[in-house]
Amino acid sequence: MAYFSQYAIFGVILTIIFITIPSNSEVLPHEPCRQKDEKYTLACTVHEVRVSPCPEVSSNKPCKLTYGKNGSISFDYSADFDAEKANSRAYWDKGVIDLPFQGMNKDACQFTQCPIKAGVKSSYTYGLPITNEYPAGDYLVKWRIWNKEINKQCCFKIRIIISQ
């Protein structure tokens, strides 16, 4: 009985510590994509977007990612569709045209649970190696998960800065 209570107290203390330690990821404001690509219907709710590192978010500034350092993005979403497989990609939204970020693994199922189920809240996590292939600058980034067989997608936009 004495061991049980010691372990129970230890477990409660560890739980409190993990709950109160701040996460390295910061929740970012995001906006849904507009339905300008009629090929894919927007059919998703993005609940929360997190980028790490991003201390700038506390000052309402875009995340600043630096060459040679790794970051990550994760987001929680609920699709309004079922899909056995899906693609994903980030783009630089230039208004008239979207330029894809090169070198990304486009298999969304490597970074989220597949099959995707309608109405089920899921998470997507992707490591972001910041290389000098991307010019330094301020970017409006569009992130998409889509299934081309059913022409449906999840899509949101965030602002980031890539610097040297």
N, C-alpha and C. Protein backbone atom coordinates (compact mmCIF):
# COMPACT_ATOMS: atom_id res chain seq x y z
N MET A 1 0.82 -1.19 0.00
CA MET A 1 0.00 0.00 0.00
C MET A 1 0.87 1.26 0.00
N ALA A 2 1.97 1.24 0.77
CA ALA A 2 2.84 2.41 0.84
C ALA A 2 3.48 2.68 -0.52
N TYR A 3 3.89 1.60 -1.23
CA TYR A 3 4.47 1.78 -2.56
C TYR A 3 3.45 2.38 -3.53
N PHE A 4 2.21 1.89 -3.46
CA PHE A 4 1.17 2.40 -4.36
C PHE A 4 0.97 3.89 -4.15
N SER A 5 0.90 4.34 -2.94
CA SER A 5 0.65 5.76 -2.70
C SER A 5 1.85 6.60 -3.12
N GLN A 6 3.08 6.09 -2.94
CA GLN A 6 4.25 6.83 -3.39
C GLN A 6 4.26 6.95 -4.90
N TYR A 7 3.94 5.85 -5.60
CA TYR A 7 3.90 5.89 -7.06
C TYR A 7 2.75 6.76 -7.55
N ALA A 8 1.63 6.71 -6.87
CA ALA A 8 0.49 7.55 -7.27
C ALA A 8 0.84 9.02 -7.13
N ILE A 9 1.48 9.38 -6.02
CA ILE A 9 1.87 10.78 -5.81
C ILE A 9 2.89 11.19 -6.85
N PHE A 10 3.87 10.33 -7.14
CA PHE A 10 4.88 10.61 -8.16
C PHE A 10 4.21 10.83 -9.53
N GLY A 11 3.23 9.98 -9.86
CA GLY A 11 2.51 10.11 -11.13
C GLY A 11 1.75 11.42 -11.22
N VAL A 12 1.12 11.83 -10.13
CA VAL A 12 0.39 13.10 -10.11
C VAL A 12 1.36 14.26 -10.29
N ILE A 13 2.50 14.21 -9.62
CA ILE A 13 3.51 15.28 -9.74
C ILE A 13 4.01 15.37 -11.18
N LEU A 14 4.34 14.23 -11.80
CA LEU A 14 4.79 14.24 -13.19
C LEU A 14 3.73 14.80 -14.12
N THR A 15 2.49 14.43 -13.90
CA THR A 15 1.40 14.96 -14.73
C THR A 15 1.32 16.47 -14.61
N ILE A 16 1.40 16.99 -13.41
CA ILE A 16 1.34 18.44 -13.20
C ILE A 16 2.52 19.13 -13.88
N ILE A 17 3.70 18.54 -13.77
CA ILE A 17 4.88 19.13 -14.41
C ILE A 17 4.69 19.20 -15.91
N PHE A 18 4.24 18.10 -16.54
CA PHE A 18 4.09 18.10 -18.00
C PHE A 18 2.98 19.04 -18.46
N ILE A 19 1.96 19.21 -17.66
CA ILE A 19 0.88 20.13 -18.04
C ILE A 19 1.34 21.57 -17.94
N THR A 20 2.18 21.89 -16.97
CA THR A 20 2.57 23.28 -16.75
C THR A 20 3.81 23.70 -17.53
N ILE A 21 4.56 22.76 -18.09
CA ILE A 21 5.73 23.13 -18.91
C ILE A 21 5.23 23.68 -20.23
N PRO A 22 5.66 24.87 -20.62
CA PRO A 22 5.19 25.41 -21.90
C PRO A 22 5.72 24.60 -23.07
N SER A 23 4.91 24.48 -24.08
CA SER A 23 5.28 23.75 -25.29
C SER A 23 6.23 24.59 -26.13
N ASN A 24 7.09 23.93 -26.89
CA ASN A 24 7.96 24.66 -27.81
C ASN A 24 7.19 25.17 -29.02
N SER A 25 6.05 24.59 -29.31
CA SER A 25 5.23 25.02 -30.43
C SER A 25 4.30 26.14 -29.99
N GLU A 26 4.09 27.06 -30.89
CA GLU A 26 3.21 28.19 -30.62
C GLU A 26 2.01 28.12 -31.55
N VAL A 27 0.83 28.40 -30.99
CA VAL A 27 -0.40 28.41 -31.78
C VAL A 27 -0.44 29.70 -32.58
N LEU A 28 -0.66 29.55 -33.88
CA LEU A 28 -0.65 30.70 -34.79
C LEU A 28 -2.06 31.03 -35.26
N PRO A 29 -2.28 32.31 -35.53
CA PRO A 29 -3.51 32.63 -36.24
C PRO A 29 -3.39 32.10 -37.67
N HIS A 30 -4.48 31.62 -38.20
CA HIS A 30 -4.49 31.10 -39.57
C HIS A 30 -5.81 31.49 -40.22
N GLU A 31 -5.81 31.43 -41.53
CA GLU A 31 -7.04 31.73 -42.25
C GLU A 31 -7.32 30.61 -43.24
N PRO A 32 -8.59 30.34 -43.49
CA PRO A 32 -8.90 29.30 -44.48
C PRO A 32 -8.56 29.80 -45.88
N CYS A 33 -8.29 28.88 -46.76
CA CYS A 33 -8.07 29.23 -48.16
C CYS A 33 -9.41 29.61 -48.79
N ARG A 34 -9.33 30.41 -49.82
CA ARG A 34 -10.54 30.73 -50.59
C ARG A 34 -10.72 29.67 -51.67
N GLN A 35 -11.93 29.50 -52.08
CA GLN A 35 -12.26 28.50 -53.11
C GLN A 35 -11.98 29.09 -54.49
N LYS A 36 -10.68 29.21 -54.85
CA LYS A 36 -10.37 29.72 -56.19
C LYS A 36 -9.99 28.60 -57.14
N ASP A 37 -9.57 27.46 -56.58
CA ASP A 37 -9.27 26.30 -57.42
C ASP A 37 -10.50 25.41 -57.42
N GLU A 38 -11.32 25.51 -58.45
CA GLU A 38 -12.58 24.78 -58.50
C GLU A 38 -12.37 23.27 -58.61
N LYS A 39 -11.17 22.85 -58.91
CA LYS A 39 -10.89 21.42 -59.03
C LYS A 39 -11.03 20.71 -57.68
N TYR A 40 -10.66 21.40 -56.59
CA TYR A 40 -10.74 20.80 -55.26
C TYR A 40 -11.66 21.63 -54.37
N THR A 41 -12.68 20.99 -53.84
CA THR A 41 -13.63 21.65 -52.96
C THR A 41 -13.06 21.71 -51.55
N LEU A 42 -13.17 22.86 -50.90
CA LEU A 42 -12.77 22.97 -49.50
C LEU A 42 -13.76 22.19 -48.66
N ALA A 43 -13.27 21.22 -47.90
CA ALA A 43 -14.15 20.34 -47.14
C ALA A 43 -13.46 19.94 -45.85
N CYS A 44 -13.17 20.92 -45.00
CA CYS A 44 -12.37 20.64 -43.82
C CYS A 44 -12.45 21.81 -42.84
N THR A 45 -12.30 21.51 -41.57
CA THR A 45 -12.14 22.52 -40.54
C THR A 45 -10.74 22.37 -39.95
N VAL A 46 -9.95 23.44 -39.98
CA VAL A 46 -8.64 23.44 -39.34
C VAL A 46 -8.83 24.09 -37.98
N HIS A 47 -8.59 23.33 -36.92
CA HIS A 47 -8.86 23.80 -35.56
C HIS A 47 -7.73 24.65 -35.00
N GLU A 48 -6.49 24.19 -35.21
CA GLU A 48 -5.35 24.87 -34.60
C GLU A 48 -4.10 24.58 -35.41
N VAL A 49 -3.26 25.60 -35.57
CA VAL A 49 -1.98 25.47 -36.29
C VAL A 49 -0.88 25.86 -35.32
N ARG A 50 0.18 25.02 -35.27
CA ARG A 50 1.32 25.27 -34.39
C ARG A 50 2.61 25.21 -35.20
N VAL A 51 3.51 26.15 -34.93
CA VAL A 51 4.83 26.16 -35.55
C VAL A 51 5.87 26.26 -34.45
N SER A 52 6.96 25.52 -34.62
CA SER A 52 8.04 25.56 -33.66
C SER A 52 9.34 25.71 -34.42
N PRO A 53 10.22 26.61 -34.04
CA PRO A 53 10.05 27.60 -32.97
C PRO A 53 9.28 28.81 -33.51
N CYS A 54 8.60 29.51 -32.62
CA CYS A 54 7.90 30.71 -33.02
C CYS A 54 7.60 31.60 -31.81
N PRO A 55 8.64 32.14 -31.17
CA PRO A 55 8.39 33.03 -30.03
C PRO A 55 7.72 34.34 -30.47
N GLU A 56 7.78 34.65 -31.76
CA GLU A 56 7.23 35.91 -32.27
C GLU A 56 5.71 35.98 -32.15
N VAL A 57 5.05 34.83 -32.05
CA VAL A 57 3.59 34.82 -32.03
C VAL A 57 3.04 35.58 -30.82
N SER A 58 3.80 35.61 -29.71
CA SER A 58 3.32 36.34 -28.53
C SER A 58 3.28 37.84 -28.78
N SER A 59 3.98 38.32 -29.81
CA SER A 59 3.98 39.74 -30.19
C SER A 59 3.14 39.99 -31.44
N ASN A 60 2.32 39.01 -31.82
CA ASN A 60 1.49 39.11 -33.03
C ASN A 60 2.30 39.33 -34.30
N LYS A 61 3.47 38.72 -34.37
CA LYS A 61 4.33 38.81 -35.55
C LYS A 61 4.43 37.44 -36.21
N PRO A 62 4.75 37.40 -37.50
CA PRO A 62 4.92 36.11 -38.17
C PRO A 62 6.12 35.34 -37.59
N CYS A 63 6.04 34.02 -37.64
CA CYS A 63 7.14 33.18 -37.19
C CYS A 63 8.36 33.46 -38.05
N LYS A 64 9.52 33.55 -37.40
CA LYS A 64 10.78 33.78 -38.10
C LYS A 64 11.59 32.49 -38.06
N LEU A 65 11.76 31.89 -39.22
CA LEU A 65 12.52 30.65 -39.35
C LEU A 65 13.86 30.99 -39.99
N THR A 66 14.93 30.41 -39.46
CA THR A 66 16.28 30.79 -39.85
C THR A 66 16.96 29.66 -40.61
N TYR A 67 17.73 30.05 -41.66
CA TYR A 67 18.49 29.08 -42.43
C TYR A 67 19.34 28.20 -41.51
N GLY A 68 19.39 26.92 -41.86
CA GLY A 68 20.24 25.99 -41.14
C GLY A 68 19.62 25.42 -39.89
N LYS A 69 18.44 25.89 -39.52
CA LYS A 69 17.76 25.37 -38.33
C LYS A 69 16.49 24.66 -38.77
N ASN A 70 16.14 23.66 -38.01
CA ASN A 70 14.92 22.92 -38.32
C ASN A 70 13.76 23.47 -37.51
N GLY A 71 12.61 23.46 -38.11
CA GLY A 71 11.38 23.82 -37.44
C GLY A 71 10.38 22.72 -37.67
N SER A 72 9.16 22.94 -37.23
CA SER A 72 8.09 21.99 -37.50
C SER A 72 6.76 22.71 -37.52
N ILE A 73 5.83 22.12 -38.24
CA ILE A 73 4.46 22.60 -38.26
C ILE A 73 3.57 21.43 -37.91
N SER A 74 2.55 21.70 -37.13
CA SER A 74 1.54 20.69 -36.86
C SER A 74 0.19 21.39 -36.81
N PHE A 75 -0.82 20.68 -37.19
CA PHE A 75 -2.16 21.25 -37.12
C PHE A 75 -3.18 20.16 -36.89
N ASP A 76 -4.28 20.56 -36.26
CA ASP A 76 -5.40 19.67 -36.00
C ASP A 76 -6.51 20.04 -36.97
N TYR A 77 -7.11 19.03 -37.55
CA TYR A 77 -8.15 19.26 -38.55
C TYR A 77 -9.21 18.17 -38.48
N SER A 78 -10.37 18.48 -38.99
CA SER A 78 -11.45 17.51 -39.18
C SER A 78 -11.90 17.62 -40.62
N ALA A 79 -11.66 16.57 -41.38
CA ALA A 79 -12.08 16.55 -42.79
C ALA A 79 -13.57 16.24 -42.87
N ASP A 80 -14.21 16.75 -43.90
CA ASP A 80 -15.61 16.45 -44.16
C ASP A 80 -15.72 15.38 -45.23
N PHE A 81 -14.67 14.56 -45.35
CA PHE A 81 -14.64 13.51 -46.37
C PHE A 81 -13.82 12.34 -45.88
N ASP A 82 -14.07 11.19 -46.48
CA ASP A 82 -13.28 9.98 -46.26
C ASP A 82 -12.28 9.86 -47.40
N ALA A 83 -11.06 9.43 -47.09
CA ALA A 83 -10.05 9.22 -48.13
C ALA A 83 -9.05 8.17 -47.66
N GLU A 84 -8.80 7.19 -48.51
CA GLU A 84 -7.82 6.16 -48.20
C GLU A 84 -6.40 6.71 -48.21
N LYS A 85 -6.14 7.66 -49.12
CA LYS A 85 -4.82 8.27 -49.22
C LYS A 85 -5.00 9.75 -49.50
N ALA A 86 -3.92 10.50 -49.28
CA ALA A 86 -3.99 11.95 -49.50
C ALA A 86 -2.60 12.48 -49.79
N ASN A 87 -2.56 13.62 -50.45
CA ASN A 87 -1.33 14.36 -50.71
C ASN A 87 -1.30 15.59 -49.83
N SER A 88 -0.12 16.13 -49.63
CA SER A 88 0.02 17.39 -48.88
C SER A 88 1.18 18.18 -49.46
N ARG A 89 1.08 19.49 -49.32
CA ARG A 89 2.15 20.34 -49.82
C ARG A 89 1.97 21.75 -49.31
N ALA A 90 3.09 22.46 -49.18
CA ALA A 90 3.08 23.87 -48.83
C ALA A 90 3.40 24.68 -50.08
N TYR A 91 2.78 25.85 -50.17
CA TYR A 91 2.96 26.74 -51.33
C TYR A 91 3.20 28.16 -50.84
N TRP A 92 3.92 28.91 -51.62
CA TRP A 92 4.03 30.34 -51.43
C TRP A 92 2.86 30.94 -52.19
N ASP A 93 1.91 31.53 -51.48
CA ASP A 93 0.72 32.12 -52.08
C ASP A 93 1.07 33.53 -52.56
N LYS A 94 1.23 33.67 -53.85
CA LYS A 94 1.59 34.96 -54.44
C LYS A 94 0.37 35.71 -54.95
N GLY A 95 -0.83 35.23 -54.60
CA GLY A 95 -2.04 35.91 -55.03
C GLY A 95 -2.56 35.37 -56.34
N VAL A 96 -1.79 35.53 -57.41
CA VAL A 96 -2.21 35.08 -58.73
C VAL A 96 -1.84 33.61 -58.94
N ILE A 97 -0.72 33.21 -58.36
CA ILE A 97 -0.21 31.85 -58.56
C ILE A 97 0.36 31.34 -57.24
N ASP A 98 0.27 30.03 -57.05
CA ASP A 98 0.87 29.38 -55.88
C ASP A 98 2.14 28.67 -56.32
N LEU A 99 3.26 29.01 -55.69
CA LEU A 99 4.53 28.36 -56.01
C LEU A 99 4.82 27.29 -54.96
N PRO A 100 4.92 26.01 -55.36
CA PRO A 100 5.15 24.95 -54.38
C PRO A 100 6.56 25.02 -53.78
N PHE A 101 6.64 24.75 -52.47
CA PHE A 101 7.94 24.62 -51.83
C PHE A 101 8.53 23.29 -52.29
N GLN A 102 9.75 23.33 -52.76
CA GLN A 102 10.39 22.15 -53.35
C GLN A 102 10.96 21.23 -52.27
N GLY A 103 11.07 19.96 -52.62
CA GLY A 103 11.72 19.00 -51.75
C GLY A 103 10.83 18.41 -50.67
N MET A 104 9.54 18.72 -50.68
CA MET A 104 8.65 18.19 -49.66
C MET A 104 8.20 16.77 -50.00
N ASN A 105 8.02 15.95 -48.98
CA ASN A 105 7.38 14.65 -49.14
C ASN A 105 5.88 14.92 -49.26
N LYS A 106 5.27 14.59 -50.39
CA LYS A 106 3.88 14.92 -50.64
C LYS A 106 2.90 13.86 -50.16
N ASP A 107 3.39 12.76 -49.59
CA ASP A 107 2.49 11.70 -49.09
C ASP A 107 1.98 12.10 -47.71
N ALA A 108 0.78 12.65 -47.64
CA ALA A 108 0.21 13.12 -46.37
C ALA A 108 0.11 12.00 -45.34
N CYS A 109 -0.07 10.78 -45.80
CA CYS A 109 -0.23 9.66 -44.86
C CYS A 109 1.04 9.36 -44.07
N GLN A 110 2.18 9.94 -44.48
CA GLN A 110 3.41 9.83 -43.70
C GLN A 110 3.36 10.73 -42.46
N PHE A 111 2.43 11.70 -42.45
CA PHE A 111 2.42 12.73 -41.42
C PHE A 111 1.09 12.87 -40.69
N THR A 112 0.09 12.10 -41.12
CA THR A 112 -1.22 12.09 -40.47
C THR A 112 -1.78 10.68 -40.59
N GLN A 113 -2.82 10.41 -39.84
CA GLN A 113 -3.41 9.08 -39.86
C GLN A 113 -4.25 8.88 -41.11
N CYS A 114 -4.00 7.78 -41.80
CA CYS A 114 -4.81 7.39 -42.95
C CYS A 114 -5.37 6.01 -42.70
N PRO A 115 -6.55 5.71 -43.16
CA PRO A 115 -7.38 6.55 -43.99
C PRO A 115 -7.94 7.74 -43.20
N ILE A 116 -8.19 8.81 -43.91
CA ILE A 116 -8.83 9.99 -43.33
C ILE A 116 -10.31 9.69 -43.23
N LYS A 117 -10.89 9.98 -42.08
CA LYS A 117 -12.31 9.71 -41.83
C LYS A 117 -13.06 11.01 -41.62
N ALA A 118 -14.18 11.15 -42.27
CA ALA A 118 -15.01 12.35 -42.14
C ALA A 118 -15.42 12.54 -40.68
N GLY A 119 -15.27 13.78 -40.20
CA GLY A 119 -15.71 14.14 -38.85
C GLY A 119 -14.78 13.74 -37.73
N VAL A 120 -13.67 13.07 -38.03
CA VAL A 120 -12.72 12.63 -37.01
C VAL A 120 -11.60 13.67 -36.91
N LYS A 121 -11.38 14.19 -35.71
CA LYS A 121 -10.30 15.16 -35.51
C LYS A 121 -8.96 14.43 -35.59
N SER A 122 -8.10 14.92 -36.45
CA SER A 122 -6.79 14.32 -36.67
C SER A 122 -5.71 15.38 -36.56
N SER A 123 -4.47 14.93 -36.46
CA SER A 123 -3.32 15.84 -36.41
C SER A 123 -2.36 15.50 -37.54
N TYR A 124 -1.68 16.53 -38.01
CA TYR A 124 -0.67 16.41 -39.06
C TYR A 124 0.57 17.09 -38.52
N THR A 125 1.74 16.44 -38.65
CA THR A 125 3.00 17.03 -38.18
C THR A 125 4.06 16.83 -39.25
N TYR A 126 4.78 17.93 -39.56
CA TYR A 126 5.79 17.88 -40.61
C TYR A 126 7.02 18.65 -40.15
N GLY A 127 8.21 18.04 -40.28
CA GLY A 127 9.47 18.71 -39.98
C GLY A 127 9.82 19.69 -41.09
N LEU A 128 10.31 20.87 -40.70
CA LEU A 128 10.62 21.91 -41.68
C LEU A 128 12.12 22.22 -41.67
N PRO A 129 12.90 21.55 -42.50
CA PRO A 129 14.31 21.94 -42.61
C PRO A 129 14.38 23.26 -43.40
N ILE A 130 14.97 24.28 -42.84
CA ILE A 130 15.04 25.59 -43.49
C ILE A 130 16.40 25.67 -44.19
N THR A 131 16.36 25.51 -45.51
CA THR A 131 17.58 25.53 -46.30
C THR A 131 17.65 26.81 -47.13
N ASN A 132 18.83 27.10 -47.64
CA ASN A 132 18.98 28.32 -48.43
C ASN A 132 18.39 28.18 -49.84
N GLU A 133 17.71 27.07 -50.12
CA GLU A 133 16.97 26.94 -51.38
C GLU A 133 15.81 27.94 -51.42
N TYR A 134 15.33 28.31 -50.25
CA TYR A 134 14.23 29.27 -50.15
C TYR A 134 14.82 30.66 -49.96
N PRO A 135 14.47 31.60 -50.80
CA PRO A 135 15.00 32.96 -50.60
C PRO A 135 14.49 33.56 -49.29
N ALA A 136 15.33 34.34 -48.65
CA ALA A 136 14.90 35.03 -47.44
C ALA A 136 13.74 35.95 -47.81
N GLY A 137 12.77 36.05 -46.92
CA GLY A 137 11.64 36.93 -47.17
C GLY A 137 10.43 36.61 -46.33
N ASP A 138 9.40 37.39 -46.55
CA ASP A 138 8.12 37.27 -45.86
C ASP A 138 7.18 36.48 -46.79
N TYR A 139 6.62 35.38 -46.29
CA TYR A 139 5.81 34.50 -47.12
C TYR A 139 4.43 34.30 -46.54
N LEU A 140 3.42 34.34 -47.39
CA LEU A 140 2.10 33.84 -47.06
C LEU A 140 2.11 32.40 -47.54
N VAL A 141 2.07 31.46 -46.59
CA VAL A 141 2.19 30.04 -46.90
C VAL A 141 0.81 29.40 -46.89
N LYS A 142 0.52 28.70 -47.95
CA LYS A 142 -0.72 27.92 -48.05
C LYS A 142 -0.35 26.46 -47.85
N TRP A 143 -1.03 25.80 -46.92
CA TRP A 143 -0.78 24.39 -46.67
C TRP A 143 -2.03 23.61 -47.03
N ARG A 144 -1.86 22.56 -47.85
CA ARG A 144 -3.00 21.78 -48.33
C ARG A 144 -2.81 20.30 -48.06
N ILE A 145 -3.93 19.63 -47.75
CA ILE A 145 -4.05 18.17 -47.78
C ILE A 145 -5.22 17.90 -48.72
N TRP A 146 -5.01 17.05 -49.72
CA TRP A 146 -6.09 16.81 -50.67
C TRP A 146 -6.10 15.37 -51.16
N ASN A 147 -7.25 14.99 -51.69
CA ASN A 147 -7.40 13.70 -52.34
C ASN A 147 -7.90 13.97 -53.76
N LYS A 148 -7.09 13.61 -54.74
CA LYS A 148 -7.44 13.94 -56.12
C LYS A 148 -8.55 13.06 -56.69
N GLU A 149 -8.77 11.88 -56.12
CA GLU A 149 -9.85 11.02 -56.63
C GLU A 149 -11.23 11.59 -56.31
N ILE A 150 -11.36 12.25 -55.17
CA ILE A 150 -12.66 12.80 -54.78
C ILE A 150 -12.70 14.33 -54.88
N ASN A 151 -11.56 14.94 -55.25
CA ASN A 151 -11.47 16.40 -55.47
C ASN A 151 -11.86 17.21 -54.23
N LYS A 152 -11.40 16.78 -53.05
CA LYS A 152 -11.68 17.52 -51.82
C LYS A 152 -10.36 17.80 -51.10
N GLN A 153 -10.36 18.89 -50.31
CA GLN A 153 -9.12 19.30 -49.65
C GLN A 153 -9.37 19.99 -48.32
N CYS A 154 -8.31 20.01 -47.51
CA CYS A 154 -8.16 20.87 -46.34
C CYS A 154 -7.11 21.90 -46.75
N CYS A 155 -7.32 23.15 -46.35
CA CYS A 155 -6.37 24.17 -46.77
C CYS A 155 -6.44 25.36 -45.82
N PHE A 156 -5.26 25.88 -45.45
CA PHE A 156 -5.20 27.09 -44.62
C PHE A 156 -3.96 27.88 -45.00
N LYS A 157 -3.90 29.13 -44.49
CA LYS A 157 -2.77 30.00 -44.77
C LYS A 157 -2.22 30.56 -43.46
N ILE A 158 -0.88 30.69 -43.43
CA ILE A 158 -0.19 31.34 -42.31
C ILE A 158 0.91 32.23 -42.90
N ARG A 159 1.40 33.14 -42.12
CA ARG A 159 2.50 34.01 -42.56
C ARG A 159 3.76 33.61 -41.80
N ILE A 160 4.87 33.46 -42.53
CA ILE A 160 6.17 33.18 -41.93
C ILE A 160 7.23 34.09 -42.56
N ILE A 161 8.34 34.22 -41.88
CA ILE A 161 9.50 34.93 -42.40
C ILE A 161 10.67 33.96 -42.40
N ILE A 162 11.37 33.87 -43.53
CA ILE A 162 12.59 33.06 -43.61
C ILE A 162 13.75 34.04 -43.65
N SER A 163 14.72 33.83 -42.74
CA SER A 163 15.85 34.76 -42.66
C SER A 163 17.16 34.01 -42.59
N GLN A 164 18.24 34.77 -42.82
CA GLN A 164 19.59 34.17 -42.77
C GLN A 164 20.09 34.12 -41.35
